[in-house]
Amino acid sequence: MKTTIKNLENIDKPREKLKKLGVDALKDYELMAILLGSGVKGKDVITLSKEIIKLFKSDFENISLETLLQIHGLGTAKACQIVSAINLSKRYLIKNQNIKITNSNDVFEELKPYKNKQQEHFLTLYLDGANHLIETKVITIGTLNQSLVHPREVFSYAIEKRCASIIVAHNHPSGILKPSSEDINVTKRLKESGKILGIELLDHVIFTKDGFYSFQEEGVL
């Protein structure tokens, strides 16, 4: 008897299995079965999913709408679903993987979405050992001070993701790039915390809509 969604026990149905055991418990074809939702005339969803995964394993890099449509019975609608899912995932996976932070100008480019904010945003860029950007996170919004920017809030994600280093940054809505005494104190505190944790603070960048100030380049760090 063919293995179809209908004659599987609930625990073996991909969707039920995901709900009960989590996504990591599913095989590739089971994930594909969930994405497809149903089979096609003369071919149940499990069989169809296995054929698609076989194609993935043979030449994933060149998967296209045209190559998917070569699978017998797979219509345009389902092929479009698959291509869309692949490319949506790629956009998010590639978004940060190809960003390498080599200097303060790279930091400024990464933080351009925050340059016109009317409140101060304190951000942390989390980096791997090759200085590739893992994530950029807003730590706090509001006037910068040591009580708001606690090392615990800055380094918790870095510890979780095993980051090699971090860069902190914040905007000055006033347009003035000169660091305040509070900016300097916060930087010193984070630098010392990083030393204890083994996660290096590479720089603190203050930025406005027109430019930036780098603690590292100015020899303040």
Protein backbone atom coordinates (compact mmCIF):
# COMPACT_ATOMS: atom_id res chain seq x y z
CA MET A 1 0.00 0.00 0.00
CA LYS A 2 1.27 3.46 -0.86
CA THR A 3 2.28 5.74 1.98
CA THR A 4 -0.10 8.66 1.86
CA ILE A 5 -0.98 11.35 4.38
CA LYS A 6 -4.37 9.71 4.97
CA ASN A 7 -3.08 6.26 5.96
CA LEU A 8 -0.32 7.46 8.26
CA GLU A 9 -0.80 7.49 12.01
CA ASN A 10 -1.20 11.04 13.36
CA ILE A 11 2.31 11.07 14.84
CA ASP A 12 3.71 10.20 11.41
CA LYS A 13 1.82 12.90 9.55
CA PRO A 14 4.33 15.66 8.83
CA ARG A 15 2.23 18.47 10.24
CA GLU A 16 1.32 16.56 13.39
CA LYS A 17 4.92 15.42 13.76
CA LEU A 18 6.15 19.02 13.56
CA LYS A 19 3.66 20.15 16.20
CA LYS A 20 4.58 17.34 18.58
CA LEU A 21 8.33 16.93 18.02
CA GLY A 22 9.49 20.16 16.42
CA VAL A 23 10.82 20.99 12.97
CA ASP A 24 14.19 19.29 13.50
CA ALA A 25 12.50 15.89 13.80
CA LEU A 26 11.20 16.02 10.22
CA LYS A 27 12.93 14.59 7.18
CA ASP A 28 13.41 16.80 4.14
CA TYR A 29 10.54 15.23 2.22
CA GLU A 30 8.23 15.71 5.22
CA LEU A 31 9.00 19.44 5.29
CA MET A 32 8.29 19.56 1.58
CA ALA A 33 4.99 17.71 2.12
CA ILE A 34 3.89 20.40 4.58
CA LEU A 35 4.83 23.10 2.09
CA LEU A 36 2.87 21.44 -0.72
CA GLY A 37 -0.16 20.60 1.42
CA SER A 38 -1.51 18.00 -0.99
CA GLY A 39 -0.51 15.74 -3.82
CA VAL A 40 -1.60 15.81 -7.45
CA LYS A 41 -3.76 13.53 -9.56
CA GLY A 42 -2.24 10.06 -9.53
CA LYS A 43 0.53 10.98 -7.06
CA ASP A 44 0.17 11.44 -3.30
CA VAL A 45 1.98 14.27 -1.51
CA ILE A 46 4.63 12.01 0.07
CA THR A 47 5.63 10.51 -3.27
CA LEU A 48 5.66 13.92 -4.90
CA SER A 49 7.73 15.39 -2.07
CA LYS A 50 10.33 12.62 -2.31
CA GLU A 51 10.73 13.27 -6.04
CA ILE A 52 11.26 16.97 -5.43
CA ILE A 53 13.84 16.34 -2.69
CA LYS A 54 15.66 13.93 -5.00
CA LEU A 55 15.92 16.78 -7.51
CA PHE A 56 17.15 19.12 -4.74
CA LYS A 57 19.93 16.70 -3.82
CA SER A 58 21.09 16.35 -7.39
CA ASP A 59 21.33 20.06 -8.28
CA PHE A 60 19.89 22.44 -5.68
CA GLU A 61 21.83 25.49 -6.87
CA ASN A 62 20.13 25.40 -10.25
CA ILE A 63 16.57 24.74 -9.10
CA SER A 64 14.19 26.86 -11.13
CA LEU A 65 10.55 26.92 -12.11
CA GLU A 66 11.47 25.20 -15.36
CA THR A 67 13.38 22.34 -13.70
CA LEU A 68 10.58 21.74 -11.20
CA LEU A 69 7.99 21.56 -13.94
CA GLN A 70 9.89 18.59 -15.37
CA ILE A 71 8.59 16.52 -12.45
CA HIS A 72 5.62 14.60 -13.78
CA GLY A 73 2.35 15.87 -12.33
CA LEU A 74 3.78 18.93 -10.60
CA GLY A 75 1.74 21.88 -11.80
CA THR A 76 2.72 25.52 -12.14
CA ALA A 77 1.00 26.58 -8.91
CA LYS A 78 2.90 24.15 -6.68
CA ALA A 79 6.17 24.73 -8.55
CA CYS A 80 5.75 28.47 -7.95
CA GLN A 81 5.18 27.80 -4.23
CA ILE A 82 8.45 25.90 -4.00
CA VAL A 83 10.51 28.44 -5.97
CA SER A 84 9.05 31.28 -3.89
CA ALA A 85 9.86 29.50 -0.62
CA ILE A 86 13.45 28.80 -1.73
CA ASN A 87 14.13 32.36 -2.82
CA LEU A 88 12.45 33.96 0.20
CA SER A 89 14.65 31.83 2.47
CA LYS A 90 17.77 32.69 0.48
CA ARG A 91 17.10 36.41 0.79
CA TYR A 92 17.02 36.22 4.57
CA LEU A 93 19.88 33.75 4.90
CA ILE A 94 22.15 35.75 2.60
CA LYS A 95 21.18 39.11 4.03
CA ASN A 96 23.79 39.09 6.80
CA GLN A 97 26.10 36.28 5.70
CA ASN A 98 27.82 38.37 3.05
CA ILE A 99 28.28 41.46 5.20
CA LYS A 100 31.80 41.77 6.52
CA ILE A 101 32.57 44.63 8.87
CA THR A 102 36.13 45.79 8.23
CA ASN A 103 36.01 49.43 9.33
CA SER A 104 33.79 52.11 10.85
CA ASN A 105 32.44 53.12 7.45
CA ASP A 106 30.97 49.61 7.11
CA VAL A 107 29.27 50.17 10.46
CA PHE A 108 27.88 53.50 9.28
CA GLU A 109 26.48 51.88 6.12
CA GLU A 110 24.84 49.09 8.13
CA LEU A 111 23.17 51.59 10.48
CA LYS A 112 21.83 54.03 7.89
CA PRO A 113 18.21 53.07 8.68
CA TYR A 114 18.72 54.70 12.11
CA LYS A 115 20.45 57.91 11.01
CA ASN A 116 17.28 60.05 11.04
CA LYS A 117 15.84 58.75 14.31
CA GLN A 118 14.73 61.51 16.67
CA GLN A 119 15.66 59.51 19.77
CA GLU A 120 19.00 57.98 20.59
CA HIS A 121 19.20 54.31 19.60
CA PHE A 122 21.96 52.22 21.13
CA LEU A 123 22.78 49.25 18.91
CA THR A 124 25.14 46.30 18.93
CA LEU A 125 26.61 44.57 15.89
CA TYR A 126 27.45 40.94 16.65
CA LEU A 127 30.33 39.44 14.65
CA ASP A 128 31.85 36.02 14.07
CA GLY A 129 35.56 35.25 14.05
CA ALA A 130 35.94 36.50 10.48
CA ASN A 131 34.09 39.75 11.25
CA HIS A 132 30.99 38.69 9.34
CA LEU A 133 27.83 40.25 10.70
CA ILE A 134 25.63 37.78 12.57
CA GLU A 135 22.98 40.23 13.76
CA THR A 136 22.36 43.89 14.54
CA LYS A 137 20.20 44.53 17.58
CA VAL A 138 18.71 47.61 19.22
CA ILE A 139 19.69 47.44 22.89
CA THR A 140 17.91 50.53 24.16
CA ILE A 141 16.16 53.69 23.02
CA GLY A 142 16.62 56.92 24.92
CA THR A 143 19.37 59.10 26.31
CA LEU A 144 22.51 57.06 26.74
CA ASN A 145 23.59 56.29 30.30
CA GLN A 146 25.21 53.45 32.20
CA SER A 147 21.98 52.32 33.83
CA LEU A 148 20.28 51.86 30.47
CA VAL A 149 23.22 50.24 28.67
CA HIS A 150 24.09 47.39 31.01
CA PRO A 151 26.78 44.91 29.85
CA ARG A 152 24.32 42.09 30.51
CA GLU A 153 21.95 43.41 27.82
CA VAL A 154 24.77 43.96 25.35
CA PHE A 155 26.63 40.67 25.78
CA SER A 156 23.83 38.16 26.41
CA TYR A 157 23.18 37.60 22.70
CA ALA A 158 26.92 37.49 21.99
CA ILE A 159 27.32 34.68 24.52
CA GLU A 160 24.30 32.80 23.15
CA LYS A 161 25.59 32.96 19.56
CA ARG A 162 29.25 32.46 20.50
CA CYS A 163 30.27 35.72 18.88
CA ALA A 164 33.96 36.55 18.66
CA SER A 165 33.50 40.30 18.95
CA ILE A 166 31.00 43.14 18.98
CA ILE A 167 30.77 46.75 17.84
CA VAL A 168 28.44 49.14 19.63
CA ALA A 169 26.99 52.28 18.12
CA HIS A 170 24.47 54.99 18.81
CA ASN A 171 23.05 57.96 16.96
CA HIS A 172 23.18 61.60 18.03
CA PRO A 173 19.94 63.27 16.88
CA SER A 174 21.55 66.63 17.71
CA GLY A 175 23.95 66.16 14.82
CA ILE A 176 26.96 66.63 17.11
CA LEU A 177 29.54 63.88 16.71
CA LYS A 178 31.68 64.67 19.76
CA PRO A 179 31.34 61.92 22.42
CA SER A 180 30.02 62.93 25.82
CA SER A 181 31.60 61.88 29.11
CA GLU A 182 28.75 59.36 29.47
CA ASP A 183 29.57 57.93 26.03
CA ILE A 184 33.17 57.44 27.13
CA ASN A 185 32.20 55.87 30.46
CA VAL A 186 29.80 53.41 28.82
CA THR A 187 32.48 52.44 26.32
CA LYS A 188 35.06 51.79 29.03
CA ARG A 189 32.61 49.67 31.00
CA LEU A 190 31.70 47.55 27.98
CA LYS A 191 35.35 47.14 27.00
CA GLU A 192 36.23 45.81 30.46
CA SER A 193 33.21 43.49 30.45
CA GLY A 194 34.23 42.16 27.05
CA LYS A 195 37.71 41.37 28.31
CA ILE A 196 36.28 39.30 31.15
CA LEU A 197 33.95 37.42 28.80
CA GLY A 198 36.51 36.96 26.04
CA ILE A 199 34.37 38.90 23.55
CA GLU A 200 36.28 41.86 22.18
CA LEU A 201 34.69 45.30 21.83
CA LEU A 202 36.13 46.41 18.48
CA ASP A 203 34.66 49.90 18.30
CA HIS A 204 32.02 52.33 19.45
CA VAL A 205 30.63 54.40 16.61
CA ILE A 206 28.61 57.56 17.12
CA PHE A 207 26.71 58.55 14.01
CA THR A 208 24.41 61.22 12.61
CA LYS A 209 22.69 61.53 9.27
CA ASP A 210 25.82 63.17 7.85
CA GLY A 211 28.74 61.25 9.34
CA PHE A 212 30.24 59.28 12.19
CA TYR A 213 32.84 59.25 14.96
CA SER A 214 34.82 56.09 15.66
CA PHE A 215 36.32 55.55 19.12
CA GLN A 216 38.76 53.07 17.64
CA GLU A 217 39.95 55.33 14.81
CA GLU A 218 40.25 58.30 17.16
CA GLY A 219 42.37 56.26 19.58
CA VAL A 220 39.86 56.61 22.42
CA LEU A 221 38.98 52.91 22.72
